[in-house]
Amino acid sequence: AEDALRMNLVDRVFEHEEFWPQVRRAAERIASMTPDALAYAKKTVNAATDIDVRNGQVMELGAFS
């Protein structure tokens, strides 16, 4: 897990007993998003495999402006 964190493959690492509570918090944050915000987040994630980093950053910044 620490190697994955160093390689930026994951954003966070949790102790075993904190994993499911953290998953629940993330799910609650996602569930509280408006439909438009959720749709744009999904579009951005799906596009990540089809565009370069620079254009991905531009797309992500557009989501928050």
N, C-alpha and C. Protein backbone atom coordinates (compact mmCIF):
# COMPACT_ATOMS: atom_id res chain seq x y z
N ALA A 1 0.82 -1.19 0.00
CA ALA A 1 0.00 0.00 0.00
C ALA A 1 0.87 1.26 0.00
N GLU A 2 1.91 1.24 0.80
CA GLU A 2 2.79 2.41 0.85
C GLU A 2 3.50 2.63 -0.49
N ASP A 3 3.87 1.55 -1.16
CA ASP A 3 4.48 1.67 -2.49
C ASP A 3 3.49 2.28 -3.47
N ALA A 4 2.25 1.84 -3.44
CA ALA A 4 1.22 2.39 -4.32
C ALA A 4 1.02 3.87 -4.06
N LEU A 5 1.06 4.27 -2.81
CA LEU A 5 0.93 5.68 -2.45
C LEU A 5 2.10 6.49 -3.00
N ARG A 6 3.30 5.98 -2.83
CA ARG A 6 4.50 6.67 -3.36
C ARG A 6 4.45 6.80 -4.87
N MET A 7 3.87 5.81 -5.54
CA MET A 7 3.80 5.81 -7.00
C MET A 7 2.56 6.55 -7.52
N ASN A 8 1.81 7.17 -6.61
CA ASN A 8 0.59 7.91 -6.95
C ASN A 8 -0.48 7.03 -7.60
N LEU A 9 -0.48 5.76 -7.26
CA LEU A 9 -1.53 4.86 -7.76
C LEU A 9 -2.77 4.95 -6.88
N VAL A 10 -2.60 5.41 -5.67
CA VAL A 10 -3.71 5.64 -4.74
C VAL A 10 -3.51 7.00 -4.09
N ASP A 11 -4.60 7.57 -3.58
CA ASP A 11 -4.53 8.88 -2.93
C ASP A 11 -4.31 8.78 -1.43
N ARG A 12 -4.79 7.68 -0.84
CA ARG A 12 -4.70 7.52 0.61
C ARG A 12 -4.49 6.06 0.96
N VAL A 13 -3.92 5.85 2.13
CA VAL A 13 -3.76 4.51 2.68
C VAL A 13 -4.34 4.54 4.08
N PHE A 14 -5.15 3.54 4.41
CA PHE A 14 -5.79 3.47 5.72
C PHE A 14 -5.38 2.20 6.45
N GLU A 15 -5.43 2.26 7.76
CA GLU A 15 -5.29 1.06 8.57
C GLU A 15 -6.48 0.16 8.28
N HIS A 16 -6.30 -1.14 8.46
CA HIS A 16 -7.34 -2.12 8.14
C HIS A 16 -8.69 -1.76 8.77
N GLU A 17 -8.68 -1.40 10.04
CA GLU A 17 -9.95 -1.13 10.75
C GLU A 17 -10.61 0.16 10.29
N GLU A 18 -9.90 1.03 9.60
CA GLU A 18 -10.46 2.27 9.09
C GLU A 18 -10.96 2.17 7.66
N PHE A 19 -10.67 1.07 6.98
CA PHE A 19 -11.00 0.98 5.56
C PHE A 19 -12.50 1.16 5.30
N TRP A 20 -13.35 0.33 5.89
CA TRP A 20 -14.79 0.40 5.60
C TRP A 20 -15.42 1.71 6.07
N PRO A 21 -15.07 2.24 7.24
CA PRO A 21 -15.61 3.56 7.58
C PRO A 21 -15.23 4.64 6.57
N GLN A 22 -14.02 4.58 6.03
CA GLN A 22 -13.61 5.55 5.02
C GLN A 22 -14.36 5.34 3.71
N VAL A 23 -14.60 4.09 3.35
CA VAL A 23 -15.39 3.79 2.15
C VAL A 23 -16.79 4.36 2.31
N ARG A 24 -17.37 4.17 3.47
CA ARG A 24 -18.72 4.68 3.73
C ARG A 24 -18.75 6.21 3.61
N ARG A 25 -17.77 6.88 4.19
CA ARG A 25 -17.71 8.35 4.09
C ARG A 25 -17.62 8.80 2.63
N ALA A 26 -16.79 8.12 1.85
CA ALA A 26 -16.67 8.48 0.43
C ALA A 26 -17.99 8.25 -0.29
N ALA A 27 -18.65 7.14 0.00
CA ALA A 27 -19.93 6.84 -0.63
C ALA A 27 -20.98 7.88 -0.26
N GLU A 28 -20.98 8.32 0.98
CA GLU A 28 -21.92 9.36 1.41
C GLU A 28 -21.65 10.68 0.70
N ARG A 29 -20.37 11.02 0.52
CA ARG A 29 -20.03 12.25 -0.23
C ARG A 29 -20.53 12.15 -1.67
N ILE A 30 -20.31 11.01 -2.29
CA ILE A 30 -20.76 10.83 -3.68
C ILE A 30 -22.28 10.90 -3.75
N ALA A 31 -22.96 10.25 -2.81
CA ALA A 31 -24.42 10.23 -2.81
C ALA A 31 -25.00 11.62 -2.59
N SER A 32 -24.26 12.51 -1.94
CA SER A 32 -24.77 13.86 -1.67
C SER A 32 -24.56 14.82 -2.84
N MET A 33 -23.85 14.39 -3.86
CA MET A 33 -23.58 15.25 -5.01
C MET A 33 -24.85 15.47 -5.83
N THR A 34 -24.94 16.64 -6.45
CA THR A 34 -26.06 16.88 -7.35
C THR A 34 -25.92 16.00 -8.58
N PRO A 35 -27.01 15.70 -9.27
CA PRO A 35 -26.91 14.88 -10.48
C PRO A 35 -25.96 15.46 -11.52
N ASP A 36 -25.96 16.78 -11.69
CA ASP A 36 -25.06 17.39 -12.67
C ASP A 36 -23.59 17.22 -12.27
N ALA A 37 -23.29 17.42 -10.99
CA ALA A 37 -21.91 17.26 -10.52
C ALA A 37 -21.47 15.81 -10.67
N LEU A 38 -22.34 14.89 -10.34
CA LEU A 38 -22.01 13.47 -10.46
C LEU A 38 -21.79 13.08 -11.92
N ALA A 39 -22.63 13.58 -12.81
CA ALA A 39 -22.47 13.28 -14.24
C ALA A 39 -21.14 13.83 -14.76
N TYR A 40 -20.77 15.04 -14.35
CA TYR A 40 -19.51 15.61 -14.82
C TYR A 40 -18.32 14.86 -14.25
N ALA A 41 -18.42 14.46 -12.99
CA ALA A 41 -17.33 13.69 -12.38
C ALA A 41 -17.15 12.37 -13.13
N LYS A 42 -18.25 11.72 -13.45
CA LYS A 42 -18.18 10.45 -14.18
C LYS A 42 -17.58 10.67 -15.57
N LYS A 43 -18.00 11.73 -16.24
CA LYS A 43 -17.47 12.03 -17.57
C LYS A 43 -15.96 12.28 -17.50
N THR A 44 -15.52 13.01 -16.50
CA THR A 44 -14.10 13.31 -16.34
C THR A 44 -13.29 12.05 -16.09
N VAL A 45 -13.78 11.18 -15.21
CA VAL A 45 -13.07 9.93 -14.91
C VAL A 45 -13.01 9.05 -16.15
N ASN A 46 -14.11 8.92 -16.85
CA ASN A 46 -14.13 8.08 -18.05
C ASN A 46 -13.23 8.62 -19.15
N ALA A 47 -13.11 9.93 -19.25
CA ALA A 47 -12.27 10.54 -20.29
C ALA A 47 -10.79 10.41 -19.97
N ALA A 48 -10.47 10.13 -18.72
CA ALA A 48 -9.06 10.09 -18.30
C ALA A 48 -8.24 9.09 -19.09
N THR A 49 -8.83 8.05 -19.60
CA THR A 49 -8.08 7.06 -20.36
C THR A 49 -7.90 7.46 -21.82
N ASP A 50 -8.63 8.49 -22.25
CA ASP A 50 -8.62 8.86 -23.66
C ASP A 50 -7.89 10.16 -23.96
N ILE A 51 -7.45 10.89 -22.93
CA ILE A 51 -6.81 12.18 -23.17
C ILE A 51 -5.49 12.25 -22.40
N ASP A 52 -4.64 13.20 -22.80
CA ASP A 52 -3.36 13.36 -22.12
C ASP A 52 -3.54 14.12 -20.81
N VAL A 53 -2.50 14.16 -20.02
CA VAL A 53 -2.58 14.76 -18.69
C VAL A 53 -2.98 16.23 -18.77
N ARG A 54 -2.37 16.97 -19.66
CA ARG A 54 -2.66 18.41 -19.77
C ARG A 54 -4.14 18.65 -20.06
N ASN A 55 -4.68 17.97 -21.05
CA ASN A 55 -6.09 18.15 -21.38
C ASN A 55 -6.99 17.64 -20.26
N GLY A 56 -6.54 16.62 -19.55
CA GLY A 56 -7.29 16.14 -18.40
C GLY A 56 -7.37 17.18 -17.30
N GLN A 57 -6.26 17.88 -17.08
CA GLN A 57 -6.26 18.95 -16.08
C GLN A 57 -7.18 20.08 -16.49
N VAL A 58 -7.16 20.43 -17.76
CA VAL A 58 -8.04 21.49 -18.26
C VAL A 58 -9.50 21.08 -18.06
N MET A 59 -9.81 19.83 -18.38
CA MET A 59 -11.18 19.34 -18.22
C MET A 59 -11.58 19.35 -16.74
N GLU A 60 -10.69 18.94 -15.88
CA GLU A 60 -10.98 18.91 -14.45
C GLU A 60 -11.18 20.32 -13.90
N LEU A 61 -10.34 21.25 -14.32
CA LEU A 61 -10.51 22.63 -13.87
C LEU A 61 -11.85 23.20 -14.33
N GLY A 62 -12.28 22.83 -15.52
CA GLY A 62 -13.57 23.29 -16.03
C GLY A 62 -14.73 22.83 -15.16
N ALA A 63 -14.57 21.70 -14.51
CA ALA A 63 -15.63 21.17 -13.66
C ALA A 63 -15.84 22.03 -12.43
N PHE A 64 -14.82 22.77 -12.01
CA PHE A 64 -14.91 23.54 -10.78
C PHE A 64 -14.99 25.04 -11.02
N SER A 65 -15.20 25.45 -12.25
CA SER A 65 -15.28 26.89 -12.51
C SER A 65 -16.70 27.32 -12.74
